[in-house]
Amino acid sequence: MRIGIIGAGSTYTPELIEGIGNGRLGAPLEELVLMDLSPERLEILGALAQRMLDRVGWAGRLTLTTSQSEATDGVDACLVQYRIGGSQARIIDESVPLPHGVLGQETVGPGGWAKALRTVPPTLAIAEELARRSPQAWLLDFANPVSIVSQALIGAGHRAVGLCNSAIGLQRRAAAHFGVEPERIELESAGLNHGTWYREIKLDGVPQLDRLISEHGDEIAAMTGWTREYLETERAIPSYYLRYYFSPNEVLAEQLTGETRGEEVVRIEAQLLEMYKDVTLAEKPKLLEERGGAFYSSAALDLIAALTGARPAKLVVNVRNDGAIPDLPSNAVVEVLSTVSASGAKPLPIAPLGRARQELISKIIAFNQATIAAALSGDHAAAIEALALNPVVPSHDAAEKIGRELIAAHAKNLPNFSK
């Protein structure tokens, strides 16, 4: 097996290396190709990766490169985990909307829109090169906003699957609560990435969610940011990110009182990179837990293992709906429990979302599709019209002001719009 990781200069990379060293792939890995456009970050992360792999006696070959072609040539899977513009771009995404009375977040609202404009075109270019160089390879998208980027990839017909660590985090917490192996826990995820409801948690096929909310509602509320009463009314655990749509003013008030998450991430990443330079460090540092992305290694490597046929599984992933959620379009990319094997990810059918949930998700789908079209065309007016469709944007006037400011701020990373 040969795997390419694009954006390997990310501080997340040691998560993946730890899983590879532990044999999480379930099959021998002959070569791991770490690719990043920053030679400095690649050198730091590559050296740490080699020390971690040497420590466990890994027999494969580690290749470091700044060449996208090398990372996509002859691979079985290619993982995309970059942030165009780095964490400084995230700070811009999350800061610009605030003075206009709109919340700032890297996957939701104007921030997610701006990040999608930067991320969709280069990710599709990677997918096209991967299809030429490695026609049977799978592209795994961990680059945010996963919902929009995966929609662009899968909508264009690429062999791609989107992944996120949110579902696997809930699965692991439930497994720990019951004292069982995670594989015995199944989640019913219904919706989109960062816009989903977990409507059931099953242990060995037996529903447990009602009992969990009844007996541990306060703990679940504290963990998810929702009130116990809301959980009982919904009879589901909504994604934390749905707060941005249901309580935008409350979230905005919280954001105005402190630093953005992007600013916090920049500080953590600086500390991590200094730690990674330590030539005696040969394991993932505990500080990485504060960066986010818990269980990312398990989510990514389990998905690669399934897609390459090493270990088929049922996983919550981002995949073409194809009727799995009956009241959403078949061509929408949804985040649902799927059977995953070398033939791809097949969503398991579930009950409809219901009117209230379906209305919100349909609005987000329309926004996603309009944003993809604008990202590819570079049409300023179309981009603003797309942003105005987002449920957290209060008016077309707000979309115009915020959108123009974000496009100008990210000009160097928006070549389509420079035309």
Protein backbone atom coordinates (compact mmCIF):
# COMPACT_ATOMS: atom_id res chain seq x y z
CA MET A 1 0.00 0.00 0.00
CA ARG A 2 1.13 3.55 -0.79
CA ILE A 3 -0.58 6.59 0.77
CA GLY A 4 -0.13 10.29 0.07
CA ILE A 5 -0.94 13.04 2.58
CA ILE A 6 -1.33 16.53 1.13
CA GLY A 7 -0.94 19.19 3.79
CA ALA A 8 1.41 17.03 5.87
CA GLY A 9 2.90 20.15 7.45
CA SER A 10 -0.27 20.32 9.54
CA THR A 11 0.15 19.96 13.28
CA TYR A 12 -2.45 17.16 13.02
CA THR A 13 -0.01 14.87 11.21
CA PRO A 14 1.42 13.19 14.36
CA GLU A 15 -2.12 11.89 15.03
CA LEU A 16 -1.97 9.95 11.77
CA ILE A 17 1.61 8.81 12.31
CA GLU A 18 0.73 7.37 15.71
CA GLY A 19 -2.10 5.33 14.18
CA ILE A 20 0.08 4.10 11.33
CA GLY A 21 2.77 3.06 13.79
CA ASN A 22 0.15 1.16 15.80
CA GLY A 23 -0.91 -0.82 12.72
CA ARG A 24 -4.32 0.85 12.45
CA LEU A 25 -4.40 0.33 8.67
CA GLY A 26 -4.69 -3.43 9.06
CA ALA A 27 -2.33 -4.03 6.13
CA PRO A 28 1.38 -3.40 5.45
CA LEU A 29 2.13 0.16 4.35
CA GLU A 30 5.02 0.12 1.91
CA GLU A 31 5.36 3.89 1.50
CA LEU A 32 3.95 6.99 3.14
CA VAL A 33 4.36 10.21 1.14
CA LEU A 34 4.17 13.44 3.14
CA MET A 35 3.61 16.47 0.92
CA ASP A 36 3.45 20.15 1.87
CA LEU A 37 4.20 23.40 0.08
CA SER A 38 6.16 24.68 3.08
CA PRO A 39 9.63 23.06 3.11
CA GLU A 40 10.21 24.28 6.66
CA ARG A 41 7.05 22.72 8.11
CA LEU A 42 7.56 19.59 6.03
CA GLU A 43 11.06 19.15 7.46
CA ILE A 44 9.81 19.57 11.04
CA LEU A 45 6.84 17.21 10.69
CA GLY A 46 8.76 14.76 8.53
CA ALA A 47 11.58 14.44 11.06
CA LEU A 48 9.11 13.89 13.90
CA ALA A 49 7.20 11.33 11.83
CA GLN A 50 10.41 9.41 11.13
CA ARG A 51 11.33 9.38 14.83
CA MET A 52 7.85 8.16 15.78
CA LEU A 53 7.91 5.41 13.17
CA ASP A 54 11.47 4.36 14.01
CA ARG A 55 10.43 4.09 17.64
CA VAL A 56 7.88 1.37 16.81
CA GLY A 57 10.05 -0.38 14.24
CA TRP A 58 7.99 0.51 11.17
CA ALA A 59 9.47 -1.18 8.10
CA GLY A 60 8.01 1.09 5.42
CA ARG A 61 9.51 4.02 3.52
CA LEU A 62 8.79 7.65 4.42
CA THR A 63 9.04 10.14 1.55
CA LEU A 64 8.96 13.92 1.98
CA THR A 65 8.10 16.10 -0.99
CA THR A 66 6.77 19.49 -2.04
CA SER A 67 5.49 17.92 -5.27
CA GLN A 68 1.75 17.29 -5.57
CA SER A 69 2.48 14.94 -8.47
CA GLU A 70 4.63 12.70 -6.29
CA ALA A 71 1.94 12.58 -3.60
CA THR A 72 -0.71 11.45 -6.10
CA ASP A 73 1.33 9.09 -8.27
CA GLY A 74 0.79 5.36 -7.76
CA VAL A 75 -1.05 5.74 -4.46
CA ASP A 76 -3.96 3.71 -3.13
CA ALA A 77 -5.34 6.64 -1.15
CA CYS A 78 -4.65 10.36 -0.91
CA LEU A 79 -5.66 12.37 2.15
CA VAL A 80 -6.21 16.14 1.85
CA GLN A 81 -5.88 18.01 5.16
CA TYR A 82 -4.70 21.50 4.28
CA ARG A 83 -5.89 25.01 5.06
CA ILE A 84 -5.30 27.42 2.17
CA GLY A 85 -3.76 30.55 3.67
CA GLY A 86 -2.94 28.83 6.95
CA SER A 87 -4.32 29.73 10.34
CA GLN A 88 -3.92 33.43 9.63
CA ALA A 89 -6.60 33.02 6.95
CA ARG A 90 -8.83 31.41 9.54
CA ILE A 91 -8.45 34.44 11.79
CA ILE A 92 -9.60 36.66 8.92
CA ASP A 93 -12.58 34.36 8.21
CA GLU A 94 -13.67 34.45 11.82
CA SER A 95 -12.96 38.15 12.50
CA VAL A 96 -14.36 39.99 9.46
CA PRO A 97 -18.04 39.10 10.01
CA LEU A 98 -18.12 40.16 13.68
CA PRO A 99 -18.29 43.98 13.25
CA HIS A 100 -21.19 43.41 10.86
CA GLY A 101 -23.19 41.59 13.53
CA VAL A 102 -22.63 38.12 12.04
CA LEU A 103 -20.88 35.25 13.79
CA GLY A 104 -17.44 34.11 12.64
CA GLN A 105 -16.64 30.42 12.19
CA GLU A 106 -14.38 28.53 9.79
CA THR A 107 -17.06 26.16 8.43
CA VAL A 108 -20.32 28.03 9.02
CA GLY A 109 -21.58 31.31 7.57
CA PRO A 110 -19.24 33.80 5.86
CA GLY A 111 -16.13 32.10 7.25
CA GLY A 112 -17.09 28.75 5.74
CA TRP A 113 -18.01 30.47 2.49
CA ALA A 114 -14.62 32.23 2.24
CA LYS A 115 -12.75 29.05 3.07
CA ALA A 116 -14.73 27.15 0.45
CA LEU A 117 -13.90 29.72 -2.23
CA ARG A 118 -10.19 29.14 -1.48
CA THR A 119 -10.38 25.37 -1.05
CA VAL A 120 -12.73 23.99 -3.70
CA PRO A 121 -10.68 24.82 -6.86
CA PRO A 122 -7.31 23.43 -5.69
CA THR A 123 -8.94 20.32 -4.20
CA LEU A 124 -10.70 19.57 -7.46
CA ALA A 125 -7.36 20.04 -9.22
CA ILE A 126 -5.80 17.48 -6.87
CA ALA A 127 -8.66 15.07 -7.56
CA GLU A 128 -8.15 15.46 -11.31
CA GLU A 129 -4.43 14.78 -11.03
CA LEU A 130 -5.08 11.81 -8.76
CA ALA A 131 -7.54 10.38 -11.30
CA ARG A 132 -4.87 10.64 -14.03
CA ARG A 133 -1.98 9.24 -12.02
CA SER A 134 -3.79 6.72 -9.81
CA PRO A 135 -7.19 5.91 -11.38
CA GLN A 136 -8.20 3.41 -8.68
CA ALA A 137 -7.16 5.56 -5.74
CA TRP A 138 -9.54 7.14 -3.27
CA LEU A 139 -9.40 10.78 -2.22
CA LEU A 140 -10.24 11.44 1.43
CA ASP A 141 -11.26 14.99 2.21
CA PHE A 142 -10.55 16.29 5.71
CA ALA A 143 -10.15 19.86 4.45
CA ASN A 144 -12.87 22.15 5.78
CA PRO A 145 -15.58 23.02 5.06
CA VAL A 146 -15.97 19.26 4.51
CA SER A 147 -19.65 19.55 3.56
CA ILE A 148 -18.92 21.92 0.65
CA VAL A 149 -15.60 20.45 -0.49
CA SER A 150 -16.93 16.88 -0.47
CA GLN A 151 -20.03 18.04 -2.35
CA ALA A 152 -17.77 19.54 -5.01
CA LEU A 153 -15.64 16.40 -5.29
CA ILE A 154 -18.42 13.83 -5.30
CA GLY A 155 -20.67 16.01 -7.43
CA ALA A 156 -17.93 16.10 -10.06
CA GLY A 157 -17.79 12.29 -10.08
CA HIS A 158 -14.48 11.79 -8.26
CA ARG A 159 -13.68 8.72 -6.17
CA ALA A 160 -13.89 10.72 -2.97
CA VAL A 161 -15.25 10.43 0.56
CA GLY A 162 -15.43 13.19 3.15
CA LEU A 163 -14.54 12.55 6.77
CA CYS A 164 -14.81 14.35 10.09
CA ASN A 165 -13.89 13.37 13.63
CA SER A 166 -17.16 14.54 15.25
CA ALA A 167 -19.08 11.26 14.88
CA ILE A 168 -16.19 9.04 15.92
CA GLY A 169 -15.71 11.23 19.00
CA LEU A 170 -19.31 10.59 20.09
CA GLN A 171 -18.94 6.90 19.28
CA ARG A 172 -15.83 6.66 21.47
CA ARG A 173 -17.52 8.45 24.36
CA ALA A 174 -20.50 6.11 24.16
CA ALA A 175 -18.20 3.08 24.02
CA ALA A 176 -16.32 4.29 27.09
CA HIS A 177 -19.64 4.82 28.92
CA PHE A 178 -20.75 1.26 28.22
CA GLY A 179 -17.28 -0.20 28.69
CA VAL A 180 -17.26 -1.86 25.26
CA GLU A 181 -15.19 -1.83 22.09
CA PRO A 182 -16.08 1.14 19.83
CA GLU A 183 -16.98 -1.20 16.96
CA ARG A 184 -20.04 -2.33 18.96
CA ILE A 185 -21.46 1.21 18.89
CA GLU A 186 -23.35 2.53 15.86
CA LEU A 187 -24.63 6.07 15.41
CA GLU A 188 -27.53 7.19 13.27
CA SER A 189 -26.24 10.45 11.84
CA ALA A 190 -28.80 12.45 9.85
CA GLY A 191 -27.86 15.64 8.01
CA LEU A 192 -24.72 17.31 6.69
CA ASN A 193 -21.24 17.65 8.09
CA HIS A 194 -21.40 20.20 10.92
CA GLY A 195 -25.15 20.15 10.47
CA THR A 196 -26.32 16.75 11.67
CA TRP A 197 -28.51 15.19 14.32
CA TYR A 198 -27.45 11.95 16.02
CA ARG A 199 -30.87 10.35 16.27
CA GLU A 200 -29.81 7.04 17.74
CA ILE A 201 -26.90 5.37 19.51
CA LYS A 202 -27.00 1.58 19.30
CA LEU A 203 -25.05 -0.97 21.32
CA ASP A 204 -24.95 -4.31 19.51
CA GLY A 205 -27.94 -3.12 17.49
CA VAL A 206 -30.05 -2.17 20.52
CA PRO A 207 -31.17 1.50 20.76
CA GLN A 208 -29.74 3.35 23.77
CA LEU A 209 -30.27 7.08 23.15
CA ASP A 210 -33.52 7.57 25.10
CA ARG A 211 -32.01 5.86 28.12
CA LEU A 212 -28.79 7.84 27.83
CA ILE A 213 -30.64 11.16 27.73
CA SER A 214 -32.89 10.10 30.60
CA GLU A 215 -30.05 8.96 32.84
CA HIS A 216 -27.22 11.25 31.71
CA GLY A 217 -28.96 14.21 30.08
CA ASP A 218 -27.07 16.80 32.13
CA GLU A 219 -23.70 15.32 31.16
CA ILE A 220 -24.64 15.15 27.48
CA ALA A 221 -25.89 18.74 27.63
CA ALA A 222 -22.61 19.92 29.11
CA MET A 223 -20.66 17.99 26.47
CA THR A 224 -22.66 19.23 23.48
CA GLY A 225 -23.71 22.77 24.41
CA TRP A 226 -27.44 21.99 24.29
CA THR A 227 -29.83 22.07 27.25
CA ARG A 228 -31.18 18.85 28.68
CA GLU A 229 -34.72 20.04 27.89
CA TYR A 230 -33.77 20.55 24.24
CA LEU A 231 -32.25 17.08 24.03
CA GLU A 232 -35.40 15.56 25.48
CA THR A 233 -37.61 17.51 23.07
CA GLU A 234 -35.49 16.68 20.02
CA ARG A 235 -34.94 13.04 21.07
CA ALA A 236 -31.57 13.46 19.39
CA ILE A 237 -28.13 14.91 20.01
CA PRO A 238 -27.68 17.82 17.58
CA SER A 239 -24.22 18.66 16.31
CA TYR A 240 -22.62 21.45 18.31
CA TYR A 241 -22.39 23.46 15.09
CA LEU A 242 -26.17 23.62 14.74
CA ARG A 243 -26.08 26.20 17.55
CA TYR A 244 -24.78 28.64 14.96
CA TYR A 245 -28.05 28.36 13.06
CA PHE A 246 -30.48 28.11 15.97
CA SER A 247 -28.84 30.63 18.33
CA PRO A 248 -26.72 32.96 16.15
CA ASN A 249 -27.12 36.01 18.41
CA GLU A 250 -26.09 34.06 21.49
CA VAL A 251 -23.04 32.68 19.69
CA LEU A 252 -22.14 36.14 18.37
CA ALA A 253 -22.29 37.57 21.90
CA GLU A 254 -19.92 34.83 23.10
CA GLN A 255 -17.49 35.51 20.26
CA LEU A 256 -17.42 39.24 20.89
CA THR A 257 -16.15 38.73 24.45
CA GLY A 258 -12.89 36.93 23.65
CA GLU A 259 -10.40 35.87 21.02
CA THR A 260 -11.41 33.90 17.95
CA ARG A 261 -10.78 30.17 17.79
CA GLY A 262 -8.32 30.92 14.98
CA GLU A 263 -6.24 33.12 17.28
CA GLU A 264 -6.21 30.36 19.88
CA VAL A 265 -5.17 27.82 17.24
CA VAL A 266 -2.28 30.00 16.06
CA ARG A 267 -0.92 30.13 19.61
CA ILE A 268 -1.27 26.36 20.12
CA GLU A 269 0.30 25.58 16.74
CA ALA A 270 3.32 27.78 17.49
CA GLN A 271 3.89 25.87 20.72
CA LEU A 272 3.44 22.52 18.98
CA LEU A 273 5.90 23.35 16.21
CA GLU A 274 8.53 24.27 18.77
CA MET A 275 7.92 20.97 20.54
CA TYR A 276 8.09 19.06 17.25
CA LYS A 277 11.58 20.47 16.61
CA ASP A 278 12.91 18.69 19.69
CA VAL A 279 15.06 15.87 18.30
CA THR A 280 14.36 13.77 21.41
CA LEU A 281 10.57 13.88 20.88
CA ALA A 282 9.34 10.62 19.35
CA GLU A 283 5.68 10.55 20.32
CA LYS A 284 2.57 12.67 20.00
CA PRO A 285 2.64 15.42 22.66
CA LYS A 286 -0.35 15.84 24.97
CA LEU A 287 -0.74 19.49 23.91
CA LEU A 288 -2.01 18.26 20.54
CA GLU A 289 -5.30 17.38 22.26
CA GLU A 290 -6.01 21.11 22.61
CA ARG A 291 -5.65 21.59 18.86
CA GLY A 292 -8.86 19.62 18.24
CA GLY A 293 -9.26 16.69 15.90
CA ALA A 294 -9.63 14.04 18.60
CA PHE A 295 -9.73 10.53 17.08
CA TYR A 296 -8.79 11.96 13.67
CA SER A 297 -6.22 9.19 13.26
CA SER A 298 -8.78 6.46 13.89
CA ALA A 299 -11.36 8.07 11.58
CA ALA A 300 -8.92 8.55 8.69
CA LEU A 301 -7.08 5.24 8.94
CA ASP A 302 -10.26 3.19 9.46
CA LEU A 303 -11.65 4.81 6.32
CA ILE A 304 -8.47 4.11 4.31
CA ALA A 305 -8.44 0.51 5.58
CA ALA A 306 -12.05 0.04 4.45
CA LEU A 307 -11.65 1.73 1.05
CA THR A 308 -8.53 -0.31 0.23
CA GLY A 309 -10.25 -3.55 1.20
CA ALA A 310 -8.06 -4.26 4.21
CA ARG A 311 -10.88 -4.01 6.74
CA PRO A 312 -14.46 -3.23 5.53
CA ALA A 313 -16.50 -1.34 8.11
CA LYS A 314 -19.58 0.71 8.91
CA LEU A 315 -18.51 4.34 9.31
CA VAL A 316 -20.14 7.76 9.48
CA VAL A 317 -18.80 9.53 6.39
CA ASN A 318 -19.75 12.14 3.81
CA VAL A 319 -21.19 10.46 0.75
CA ARG A 320 -23.76 11.02 -2.01
CA ASN A 321 -27.23 10.68 -0.50
CA ASP A 322 -28.81 8.49 -3.21
CA GLY A 323 -32.09 8.38 -1.32
CA ALA A 324 -30.65 7.39 2.06
CA ILE A 325 -32.36 10.44 3.61
CA PRO A 326 -35.64 10.43 1.64
CA ASP A 327 -36.49 14.11 2.04
CA LEU A 328 -33.14 15.40 0.75
CA PRO A 329 -31.97 15.48 -2.88
CA SER A 330 -30.28 12.31 -4.11
CA ASN A 331 -27.27 14.29 -5.36
CA ALA A 332 -26.66 16.02 -2.02
CA VAL A 333 -23.63 14.88 -0.04
CA VAL A 334 -24.78 13.87 3.45
CA GLU A 335 -23.04 12.66 6.61
CA VAL A 336 -24.56 9.28 7.43
CA LEU A 337 -23.63 5.79 8.58
CA SER A 338 -22.38 3.90 5.54
CA THR A 339 -20.97 0.53 4.64
CA VAL A 340 -17.45 1.12 3.37
CA SER A 341 -15.35 -1.30 1.31
CA ALA A 342 -13.08 -1.31 -1.72
CA SER A 343 -16.15 -0.54 -3.85
CA GLY A 344 -16.77 2.70 -1.98
CA ALA A 345 -19.08 4.09 0.69
CA LYS A 346 -22.76 3.17 0.47
CA PRO A 347 -25.15 5.12 2.73
CA LEU A 348 -27.57 3.12 4.86
CA PRO A 349 -31.21 4.25 4.47
CA ILE A 350 -32.78 6.09 7.42
CA ALA A 351 -36.04 7.89 8.20
CA PRO A 352 -36.74 11.36 6.76
CA LEU A 353 -35.38 14.40 8.58
CA GLY A 354 -38.84 15.86 9.08
CA ARG A 355 -40.10 19.25 8.01
CA ALA A 356 -38.26 21.64 10.37
CA ARG A 357 -34.88 19.95 10.00
CA GLN A 358 -35.34 19.41 6.28
CA GLU A 359 -36.05 23.10 5.69
CA LEU A 360 -32.80 24.17 7.36
CA ILE A 361 -30.68 21.52 5.66
CA SER A 362 -32.21 22.32 2.27
CA LYS A 363 -31.19 25.96 2.69
CA ILE A 364 -27.63 24.91 3.53
CA ILE A 365 -27.51 22.58 0.52
CA ALA A 366 -28.60 25.42 -1.76
CA PHE A 367 -25.92 27.65 -0.24
CA ASN A 368 -23.28 24.92 -0.65
CA GLN A 369 -24.08 24.35 -4.32
CA ALA A 370 -24.16 28.07 -5.13
CA THR A 371 -20.82 28.57 -3.34
CA ILE A 372 -19.19 25.76 -5.33
CA ALA A 373 -20.37 27.30 -8.60
CA ALA A 374 -19.06 30.72 -7.57
CA ALA A 375 -15.70 29.29 -6.43
CA LEU A 376 -15.17 27.72 -9.84
CA SER A 377 -16.36 30.67 -11.90
CA GLY A 378 -14.69 33.46 -9.93
CA ASP A 379 -17.82 35.53 -10.46
CA HIS A 380 -18.00 38.17 -7.71
CA ALA A 381 -21.74 38.76 -8.05
CA ALA A 382 -22.47 35.03 -7.96
CA ALA A 383 -20.33 34.66 -4.85
CA ILE A 384 -22.25 37.39 -3.05
CA GLU A 385 -25.58 35.84 -4.09
CA ALA A 386 -24.36 32.51 -2.70
CA LEU A 387 -23.37 34.09 0.62
CA ALA A 388 -26.78 35.75 0.90
CA LEU A 389 -28.34 32.27 0.84
CA ASN A 390 -26.60 31.27 4.07
CA PRO A 391 -29.04 30.99 7.00
CA VAL A 392 -26.81 32.97 9.42
CA VAL A 393 -26.46 35.94 7.05
CA PRO A 394 -29.33 38.35 7.86
CA SER A 395 -29.55 40.27 4.58
CA HIS A 396 -28.21 40.74 1.09
CA ASP A 397 -26.64 44.00 2.24
CA ALA A 398 -24.71 42.17 4.97
CA ALA A 399 -23.61 39.54 2.42
CA GLU A 400 -22.38 42.31 0.10
CA LYS A 401 -20.31 44.08 2.77
CA ILE A 402 -18.84 40.97 4.40
CA GLY A 403 -18.30 39.15 1.12
CA ARG A 404 -16.46 41.98 -0.58
CA GLU A 405 -14.23 42.44 2.46
CA LEU A 406 -13.37 38.74 2.65
CA ILE A 407 -12.65 38.43 -1.07
CA ALA A 408 -10.32 41.42 -0.87
CA ALA A 409 -8.57 40.09 2.23
CA HIS A 410 -7.93 36.70 0.59
CA ALA A 411 -7.11 38.02 -2.90
CA LYS A 412 -3.76 36.21 -3.18
CA ASN A 413 -5.46 32.85 -2.48
CA LEU A 414 -8.40 33.46 -4.82
CA PRO A 415 -6.83 33.38 -8.30
CA ASN A 416 -10.20 32.76 -9.98
CA PHE A 417 -11.49 36.05 -8.60
CA SER A 418 -8.48 38.06 -9.73
CA LYS A 419 -9.72 37.72 -13.30
